[in-house]
Amino acid sequence: MPFLRSAEYKLRYLLVRIVVPAIINSIYFFTSSQKKTLLIIKNDGIGDYVLFRNYIQFLRNSIKFKDYKIYLLTNPTCKDLVDHFDLNFIDGCFYYSDNYFLRWKLVELIFNLQKLRLQTIIYPNYSRKSNIDWLVNKLNSDEKIAIDGDTINQPQLLKEKGDKYYSKILRLNLTHLHEFERNKRIIEALTQEKCDFTRPFLNLDELNLEPNESVIIFPGGSESNKKWSASNYNSLCRMLILELNLKIILAGGNDDIEDGEIIQRGIRKTHILNKIAKLSLIELCELIAGAKLLISNDTVAIHIAATLNIPTVCIAKGDLYGRFVPYPKHIAPQTHCVFPPYLVPSHNQDKWSVLNINKVLPEKVFSTVISTLKHLTQN
């Protein structure tokens, strides 16, 4: 049986990764590109998309690309945001996930992208992925542009191999920048225009805004070592209720259901409302927009709050310090971070922290909440 599984894997790999893409490529190889067609590839997580999406609007309105048909390739998790906020700035959207590696969805995607007969492909990630470099290599296009960034998501040898798939590699000074500002530099280089965006934003007119006067707790995270424990959140909630008499709303995804139950343990339901796994992404934006304060791990909720200028306390272990959090004060002055003891702030934004996020004490987060709320009342 292991042999059969191995044989099935090899056959699927041969068909999905080599044979069928080559056939599709050959079908469209001799067809000329459709002039003024552009594909932007931005298939990271939702937080990454939140820090990039405003520049799609800028690119759409730029002198260089205003007459282009603009298509977007992004992660399926970003679909709600794209559908709700960004369809006016693009002519079509396609979705790609890392789990497409040996799925027929990958073949279907390649076919649909080849049908566009693209003139230009832009992959504006500072931290490229090898699977996207591979995908770009399988597509016919007159111009393929990428960024000469770091090797967070792929080894140096694979990055150098991927460089050969592009007709142009932009080499920019992008070190020591928050991701929003790094994206800004990249888009300015692509459009040859100055962008005056100073912070990420969402169009409030497209949200159903209703103040809830609550503290939103978002305990989720993309990786377990980036998640403050549910027991710590439980202790924090008890302090918020007992000493500040604050109303609390829990939010998160399906993976956070168990944590939500632990956070609620021993707390009266009149003090805490559990909306974990009950909100769409847009409803989460609306919930945060109406909040008094957000408390969250280093994840998408932090970036949504920054776009809405909502006071935030972020609990983080210090990964890639300064790239995503902490935010510079000129971008998100109301976002405050709490890190484990002994964290040494670094300008090396390609370093993963080895510290334990659960060394952050609930008392430390509570004191940061108090100072954040006090600052609000003073202003």
Protein backbone atom coordinates (compact mmCIF):
# COMPACT_ATOMS: atom_id res chain seq x y z
CA MET A 1 0.00 0.00 0.00
CA PRO A 2 2.80 2.54 0.73
CA PHE A 3 4.11 1.75 -2.76
CA LEU A 4 0.70 2.49 -4.29
CA ARG A 5 0.44 5.75 -2.37
CA SER A 6 3.93 6.66 -3.52
CA ALA A 7 3.08 5.81 -7.12
CA GLU A 8 -0.12 7.85 -6.91
CA TYR A 9 1.83 10.82 -5.52
CA LYS A 10 4.41 10.63 -8.29
CA LEU A 11 1.73 10.42 -10.96
CA ARG A 12 -0.18 13.36 -9.52
CA TYR A 13 3.04 15.36 -9.24
CA LEU A 14 3.92 14.57 -12.85
CA LEU A 15 0.50 15.61 -14.11
CA VAL A 16 -0.26 18.63 -11.88
CA ARG A 17 3.21 20.14 -11.66
CA ILE A 18 4.77 19.27 -15.01
CA VAL A 19 2.71 17.77 -17.83
CA VAL A 20 -0.58 19.68 -17.72
CA PRO A 21 1.00 23.13 -17.04
CA ALA A 22 3.35 22.49 -19.99
CA ILE A 23 0.41 21.63 -22.25
CA ILE A 24 -1.49 24.75 -21.17
CA ASN A 25 1.63 26.85 -21.70
CA SER A 26 2.13 25.48 -25.19
CA ILE A 27 -1.49 26.21 -26.13
CA TYR A 28 -1.06 29.90 -25.33
CA PHE A 29 2.64 30.24 -26.16
CA PHE A 30 2.09 31.52 -29.67
CA THR A 31 -0.82 33.83 -28.82
CA SER A 32 0.10 37.48 -28.35
CA SER A 33 -0.49 39.11 -25.00
CA GLN A 34 -3.46 41.35 -24.38
CA LYS A 35 -2.00 44.83 -24.08
CA LYS A 36 -2.47 46.72 -20.83
CA THR A 37 -3.34 43.71 -18.72
CA LEU A 38 -1.83 43.36 -15.27
CA LEU A 39 -1.87 40.64 -12.60
CA ILE A 40 -0.97 41.55 -9.01
CA ILE A 41 -0.05 38.56 -6.85
CA LYS A 42 -0.67 39.06 -3.13
CA ASN A 43 -1.60 35.72 -1.61
CA ASP A 44 -0.31 36.04 1.97
CA GLY A 45 -2.51 36.08 5.04
CA ILE A 46 -5.32 38.53 5.75
CA GLY A 47 -3.11 40.83 7.81
CA ASP A 48 -0.63 41.13 4.94
CA TYR A 49 -3.46 41.94 2.57
CA VAL A 50 -4.83 44.62 4.92
CA LEU A 51 -1.43 46.34 4.83
CA PHE A 52 -1.30 46.18 1.02
CA ARG A 53 -4.84 46.61 -0.29
CA ASN A 54 -4.92 50.44 -0.24
CA TYR A 55 -2.14 50.46 -2.83
CA ILE A 56 -4.32 48.58 -5.32
CA GLN A 57 -6.51 51.69 -5.38
CA PHE A 58 -3.45 53.89 -5.80
CA LEU A 59 -2.15 51.71 -8.63
CA ARG A 60 -5.57 51.77 -10.32
CA ASN A 61 -5.53 55.58 -10.31
CA SER A 62 -1.88 55.94 -11.35
CA ILE A 63 -0.94 57.44 -14.70
CA LYS A 64 0.95 54.31 -15.69
CA PHE A 65 -1.79 51.77 -14.95
CA LYS A 66 -5.07 53.70 -15.06
CA ASP A 67 -5.96 52.27 -18.49
CA TYR A 68 -5.02 48.70 -17.61
CA LYS A 69 -7.24 45.77 -16.87
CA ILE A 70 -6.06 44.86 -13.39
CA TYR A 71 -6.46 41.38 -11.96
CA LEU A 72 -5.66 40.21 -8.44
CA LEU A 73 -4.43 36.83 -7.23
CA THR A 74 -4.84 36.52 -3.48
CA ASN A 75 -5.49 34.09 -0.65
CA PRO A 76 -9.04 32.65 -0.35
CA THR A 77 -9.15 33.90 3.26
CA CYS A 78 -9.13 37.47 1.91
CA LYS A 79 -12.24 36.99 -0.25
CA ASP A 80 -14.63 38.85 2.07
CA LEU A 81 -12.37 41.90 2.12
CA VAL A 82 -11.91 41.86 -1.64
CA ASP A 83 -15.62 41.45 -2.34
CA HIS A 84 -16.69 44.11 0.14
CA PHE A 85 -14.07 46.81 -0.38
CA ASP A 86 -11.93 46.29 -3.46
CA LEU A 87 -13.94 45.07 -6.45
CA ASN A 88 -14.19 48.62 -7.79
CA PHE A 89 -10.41 48.72 -8.23
CA ILE A 90 -9.91 45.44 -10.08
CA ASP A 91 -11.32 43.74 -13.15
CA GLY A 92 -11.22 40.24 -11.74
CA CYS A 93 -9.96 38.22 -8.79
CA PHE A 94 -8.42 34.76 -8.56
CA TYR A 95 -7.51 32.76 -5.48
CA TYR A 96 -4.51 30.65 -4.60
CA SER A 97 -3.66 28.79 -1.39
CA ASP A 98 -0.46 26.97 -0.49
CA ASN A 99 -2.44 23.72 -0.25
CA TYR A 100 -3.02 23.84 -4.03
CA PHE A 101 0.42 22.21 -4.45
CA LEU A 102 -0.89 18.91 -5.90
CA ARG A 103 -4.55 19.76 -6.38
CA TRP A 104 -6.36 20.09 -9.69
CA LYS A 105 -7.37 23.57 -8.53
CA LEU A 106 -3.81 24.59 -9.41
CA VAL A 107 -4.23 23.37 -12.99
CA GLU A 108 -7.56 25.19 -13.26
CA LEU A 109 -5.95 28.38 -11.93
CA ILE A 110 -3.08 28.21 -14.42
CA PHE A 111 -5.53 27.70 -17.26
CA ASN A 112 -7.70 30.65 -16.19
CA LEU A 113 -4.69 32.94 -15.79
CA GLN A 114 -3.23 31.92 -19.14
CA LYS A 115 -6.54 32.80 -20.81
CA LEU A 116 -6.01 36.41 -19.74
CA ARG A 117 -2.94 36.61 -22.00
CA LEU A 118 -1.27 38.90 -19.50
CA GLN A 119 1.12 41.63 -20.51
CA THR A 120 2.50 42.23 -17.00
CA ILE A 121 2.74 40.23 -13.79
CA ILE A 122 3.78 41.89 -10.53
CA TYR A 123 4.71 39.94 -7.42
CA PRO A 124 5.32 42.78 -4.93
CA ASN A 125 6.28 40.67 -1.89
CA TYR A 126 9.45 41.55 -0.03
CA SER A 127 9.43 37.96 1.29
CA ARG A 128 8.67 35.88 -1.78
CA LYS A 129 7.54 32.26 -1.74
CA SER A 130 8.98 29.57 -3.98
CA ASN A 131 5.55 28.23 -4.91
CA ILE A 132 4.58 31.65 -6.29
CA ASP A 133 7.87 32.00 -8.17
CA TRP A 134 7.07 28.58 -9.67
CA LEU A 135 3.57 29.69 -10.64
CA VAL A 136 4.88 32.86 -12.30
CA ASN A 137 7.31 30.73 -14.29
CA LYS A 138 4.40 28.67 -15.65
CA LEU A 139 2.55 31.75 -16.94
CA ASN A 140 3.14 33.47 -20.26
CA SER A 141 3.66 37.21 -19.93
CA ASP A 142 5.74 39.90 -21.62
CA GLU A 143 6.90 41.36 -18.32
CA LYS A 144 7.33 39.73 -14.92
CA ILE A 145 8.40 41.92 -12.01
CA ALA A 146 9.48 40.88 -8.51
CA ILE A 147 11.26 42.38 -5.52
CA ASP A 148 14.78 41.55 -4.36
CA GLY A 149 13.80 40.98 -0.76
CA ASP A 150 14.73 38.68 2.11
CA THR A 151 14.69 34.91 2.57
CA ILE A 152 12.11 34.59 5.35
CA ASN A 153 9.90 32.33 3.22
CA GLN A 154 12.48 30.47 1.13
CA PRO A 155 16.17 29.50 1.19
CA GLN A 156 18.68 31.69 -0.63
CA LEU A 157 19.30 29.07 -3.32
CA LEU A 158 15.59 28.85 -4.19
CA LYS A 159 15.32 32.63 -4.19
CA GLU A 160 18.21 32.89 -6.66
CA LYS A 161 16.57 30.23 -8.81
CA GLY A 162 13.27 32.12 -8.67
CA ASP A 163 14.97 35.38 -9.70
CA LYS A 164 15.53 33.85 -13.13
CA TYR A 165 11.78 33.55 -13.71
CA TYR A 166 11.34 37.34 -13.81
CA SER A 167 12.23 39.84 -16.49
CA LYS A 168 12.87 42.52 -13.87
CA ILE A 169 13.95 42.40 -10.22
CA LEU A 170 13.45 45.65 -8.33
CA ARG A 171 16.34 46.30 -5.95
CA LEU A 172 15.18 48.89 -3.46
CA ASN A 173 16.34 50.04 -0.03
CA LEU A 174 13.52 48.54 2.02
CA THR A 175 15.22 47.71 5.31
CA HIS A 176 14.04 48.97 8.71
CA LEU A 177 10.55 49.76 7.45
CA HIS A 178 7.12 48.80 8.71
CA GLU A 179 5.35 46.59 6.16
CA PHE A 180 2.86 49.31 5.22
CA GLU A 181 5.70 51.72 4.42
CA ARG A 182 7.63 48.99 2.60
CA ASN A 183 4.60 48.33 0.39
CA LYS A 184 4.38 52.05 -0.26
CA ARG A 185 7.98 52.20 -1.51
CA ILE A 186 7.37 49.22 -3.77
CA ILE A 187 4.22 50.69 -5.32
CA GLU A 188 5.93 54.06 -5.82
CA ALA A 189 8.75 52.28 -7.68
CA LEU A 190 6.25 50.39 -9.84
CA THR A 191 4.13 53.44 -10.71
CA GLN A 192 6.91 56.05 -10.65
CA GLU A 193 4.54 58.25 -8.66
CA LYS A 194 4.64 59.61 -5.12
CA CYS A 195 1.97 58.17 -2.81
CA ASP A 196 0.64 60.28 0.06
CA PHE A 197 -0.94 57.47 2.08
CA THR A 198 0.25 57.76 5.67
CA ARG A 199 -1.62 54.84 7.25
CA PRO A 200 -3.73 51.86 6.17
CA PHE A 201 -7.46 52.58 6.04
CA LEU A 202 -10.86 51.06 5.41
CA ASN A 203 -13.77 52.99 3.90
CA LEU A 204 -16.05 53.54 6.90
CA ASP A 205 -18.96 54.34 4.59
CA GLU A 206 -18.95 50.69 3.55
CA LEU A 207 -19.32 49.43 7.13
CA ASN A 208 -22.35 49.21 9.35
CA LEU A 209 -20.97 51.18 12.28
CA GLU A 210 -22.55 50.77 15.69
CA PRO A 211 -20.65 51.57 18.91
CA ASN A 212 -20.57 48.62 21.31
CA GLU A 213 -18.46 50.30 24.01
CA SER A 214 -16.77 46.96 24.67
CA VAL A 215 -13.31 45.54 24.94
CA ILE A 216 -12.82 43.03 22.12
CA ILE A 217 -10.63 40.03 22.96
CA PHE A 218 -9.21 38.24 19.91
CA PRO A 219 -7.23 35.20 21.17
CA GLY A 220 -6.40 33.67 17.77
CA GLY A 221 -3.12 33.44 15.92
CA SER A 222 -1.60 31.84 12.85
CA GLU A 223 0.78 29.72 14.96
CA SER A 224 0.46 28.29 18.45
CA ASN A 225 3.63 29.97 19.73
CA LYS A 226 2.16 33.37 18.81
CA LYS A 227 -0.95 32.81 20.93
CA TRP A 228 -1.12 34.02 24.51
CA SER A 229 -2.74 31.25 26.54
CA ALA A 230 -6.48 31.14 27.12
CA SER A 231 -5.86 30.90 30.86
CA ASN A 232 -3.94 34.18 30.73
CA TYR A 233 -6.81 35.78 28.85
CA ASN A 234 -9.19 34.42 31.49
CA SER A 235 -7.15 36.08 34.24
CA LEU A 236 -7.03 39.33 32.28
CA CYS A 237 -10.80 39.32 31.71
CA ARG A 238 -11.42 38.88 35.43
CA MET A 239 -9.29 41.98 36.11
CA LEU A 240 -11.04 44.01 33.42
CA ILE A 241 -14.45 43.13 34.83
CA LEU A 242 -13.67 43.32 38.55
CA GLU A 243 -11.55 46.45 38.60
CA LEU A 244 -12.76 48.41 35.55
CA ASN A 245 -16.29 47.04 35.08
CA LEU A 246 -15.72 46.64 31.35
CA LYS A 247 -17.94 44.69 28.98
CA ILE A 248 -16.04 42.07 27.00
CA ILE A 249 -16.75 40.48 23.63
CA LEU A 250 -14.75 37.49 22.41
CA ALA A 251 -14.06 37.17 18.68
CA GLY A 252 -12.13 34.71 16.58
CA GLY A 253 -12.33 31.81 14.16
CA ASN A 254 -13.27 28.15 14.37
CA ASP A 255 -9.82 27.28 15.73
CA ASP A 256 -10.46 29.51 18.75
CA ILE A 257 -13.67 27.89 20.00
CA GLU A 258 -11.98 25.83 22.71
CA ASP A 259 -9.93 28.81 23.86
CA GLY A 260 -13.10 30.88 24.07
CA GLU A 261 -14.65 28.35 26.43
CA ILE A 262 -11.57 28.50 28.68
CA ILE A 263 -11.56 32.32 28.63
CA GLN A 264 -15.21 32.37 29.70
CA ARG A 265 -14.74 29.85 32.50
CA GLY A 266 -15.98 31.17 35.86
CA ILE A 267 -17.14 34.51 34.41
CA ARG A 268 -20.81 35.46 34.31
CA LYS A 269 -22.31 35.61 30.84
CA THR A 270 -23.65 39.07 31.65
CA HIS A 271 -20.06 40.32 31.63
CA ILE A 272 -18.72 38.49 28.58
CA LEU A 273 -20.25 37.79 25.17
CA ASN A 274 -18.76 35.00 23.07
CA LYS A 275 -18.90 35.64 19.31
CA ILE A 276 -16.06 33.31 18.38
CA ALA A 277 -16.77 31.56 15.04
CA LYS A 278 -19.97 33.59 14.65
CA LEU A 279 -18.67 36.55 12.64
CA SER A 280 -17.72 37.06 9.03
CA LEU A 281 -14.56 39.01 8.33
CA ILE A 282 -16.61 42.12 7.55
CA GLU A 283 -18.63 41.69 10.74
CA LEU A 284 -15.35 41.46 12.64
CA CYS A 285 -14.29 44.78 11.10
CA GLU A 286 -17.60 46.32 12.18
CA LEU A 287 -17.28 44.90 15.69
CA ILE A 288 -13.76 46.30 16.10
CA ALA A 289 -14.82 49.63 14.60
CA GLY A 290 -17.40 50.07 17.37
CA ALA A 291 -15.13 48.99 20.21
CA LYS A 292 -13.64 50.91 23.09
CA LEU A 293 -10.47 48.82 22.89
CA LEU A 294 -9.04 45.71 21.18
CA ILE A 295 -6.77 43.22 22.95
CA SER A 296 -5.23 40.66 20.63
CA ASN A 297 -2.23 38.56 19.76
CA ASP A 298 -0.05 39.60 16.83
CA THR A 299 -2.56 38.70 14.13
CA VAL A 300 -5.06 40.13 11.65
CA ALA A 301 -7.23 41.87 14.27
CA ILE A 302 -4.33 44.18 15.14
CA HIS A 303 -4.07 45.41 11.56
CA ILE A 304 -7.82 45.82 11.18
CA ALA A 305 -7.85 47.97 14.31
CA ALA A 306 -4.97 50.06 12.92
CA THR A 307 -6.95 50.77 9.75
CA LEU A 308 -9.88 51.91 11.91
CA ASN A 309 -7.77 53.90 14.38
CA ILE A 310 -9.10 51.86 17.31
CA PRO A 311 -7.03 51.76 20.54
CA THR A 312 -5.24 48.42 20.72
CA VAL A 313 -3.12 46.38 23.09
CA CYS A 314 -1.13 43.74 21.20
CA ILE A 315 0.47 40.79 23.00
CA ALA A 316 3.40 39.55 20.91
CA LYS A 317 6.55 37.46 21.27
CA GLY A 318 8.68 39.78 19.14
CA ASP A 319 8.89 37.99 15.78
CA LEU A 320 10.29 40.13 12.94
CA TYR A 321 10.38 43.04 15.36
CA GLY A 322 9.18 46.27 13.76
CA ARG A 323 8.05 44.75 10.49
CA PHE A 324 4.42 44.24 11.56
CA VAL A 325 4.46 45.16 15.24
CA PRO A 326 5.15 47.39 16.97
CA TYR A 327 3.63 49.98 14.67
CA PRO A 328 5.49 53.26 14.30
CA LYS A 329 3.63 56.00 16.19
CA HIS A 330 3.15 58.06 13.02
CA ILE A 331 1.15 55.18 11.48
CA ALA A 332 -0.87 53.82 14.41
CA PRO A 333 -0.38 55.97 17.53
CA GLN A 334 -3.06 54.09 19.48
CA THR A 335 -1.50 50.65 19.03
CA HIS A 336 0.50 49.52 22.06
CA CYS A 337 2.51 46.29 22.34
CA VAL A 338 3.41 44.10 25.29
CA PHE A 339 6.38 41.78 24.81
CA PRO A 340 7.94 39.08 27.00
CA PRO A 341 10.63 40.20 29.45
CA TYR A 342 14.18 40.45 28.14
CA LEU A 343 13.10 41.22 24.59
CA VAL A 344 15.83 43.27 22.95
CA PRO A 345 14.30 45.50 20.24
CA SER A 346 16.16 44.88 17.00
CA HIS A 347 16.43 46.48 13.59
CA ASN A 348 16.83 42.99 12.12
CA GLN A 349 13.30 42.45 10.86
CA ASP A 350 14.14 38.98 9.57
CA LYS A 351 14.68 37.47 13.03
CA TRP A 352 12.23 35.14 14.76
CA SER A 353 11.94 35.59 18.50
CA VAL A 354 12.82 32.63 20.73
CA LEU A 355 10.95 34.11 23.69
CA ASN A 356 7.86 32.53 25.23
CA ILE A 357 4.79 34.72 24.77
CA ASN A 358 3.29 33.29 27.95
CA LYS A 359 6.02 34.96 29.96
CA VAL A 360 3.90 38.08 29.47
CA LEU A 361 1.97 38.41 32.73
CA PRO A 362 -1.74 39.32 32.78
CA GLU A 363 -0.87 42.11 35.22
CA LYS A 364 1.45 43.67 32.64
CA VAL A 365 -1.25 43.60 29.96
CA PHE A 366 -3.77 45.00 32.44
CA SER A 367 -1.51 47.93 33.30
CA THR A 368 -1.07 48.65 29.57
CA VAL A 369 -4.86 48.62 29.16
CA ILE A 370 -5.23 51.12 32.02
CA SER A 371 -2.62 53.47 30.56
CA THR A 372 -4.19 53.20 27.10
CA LEU A 373 -7.67 54.02 28.40
CA LYS A 374 -6.31 56.82 30.58
CA HIS A 375 -4.63 58.36 27.55
CA LEU A 376 -7.97 58.25 25.72
CA THR A 377 -9.80 60.15 28.48
CA GLN A 378 -7.07 62.78 28.55
CA ASN A 379 -7.57 63.43 24.86
